[in-house]
């Protein structure tokens, strides 16, 4: 286990998160790579789109792996005039996890979860590193984050 995976495992344990933390020898950076590695379908994955507002506050939009974020909907939901996609370095700084391994929870942010994610009983998300995933229910993600469930996709 690398340091990111250890930190995430500690969060899971400390917060009694109901999930499976999976660590692989193969990389899980993209949704497609993760699906191959976990022997699962792309539809079983969520991705975490990290945005920053004009004050550099982190907003995380959790959407199904095959969907596309509708940024206009997020602007309307949040009321922020300017939102932009966070860079890889900003994601690492704000979440404590690298791109490709960023979990759907475990750090401070304003969280939104797309309603289509709830069409699945369990989903896969980043598990702290490019080599790990977490298998979890969408309702558990919503609970941990106190996330707003809404329509985020095109």
Foldseek 3Di string as FASTA:
>chain_A
DDPQLVLLVVLCVVVVQPWDKFFAPDFQQALVRVCVRVVHDQQQAWEWFWKAAPVRATETEIERRVFAFDVVVVCVVVVGPDIDTDDQVSCCVQQVAGRSQRFLDDGDHAYAYEQVLQVDQWHWGRNRYRRMIMIHGPVSSCVRRVHHYYHTTD
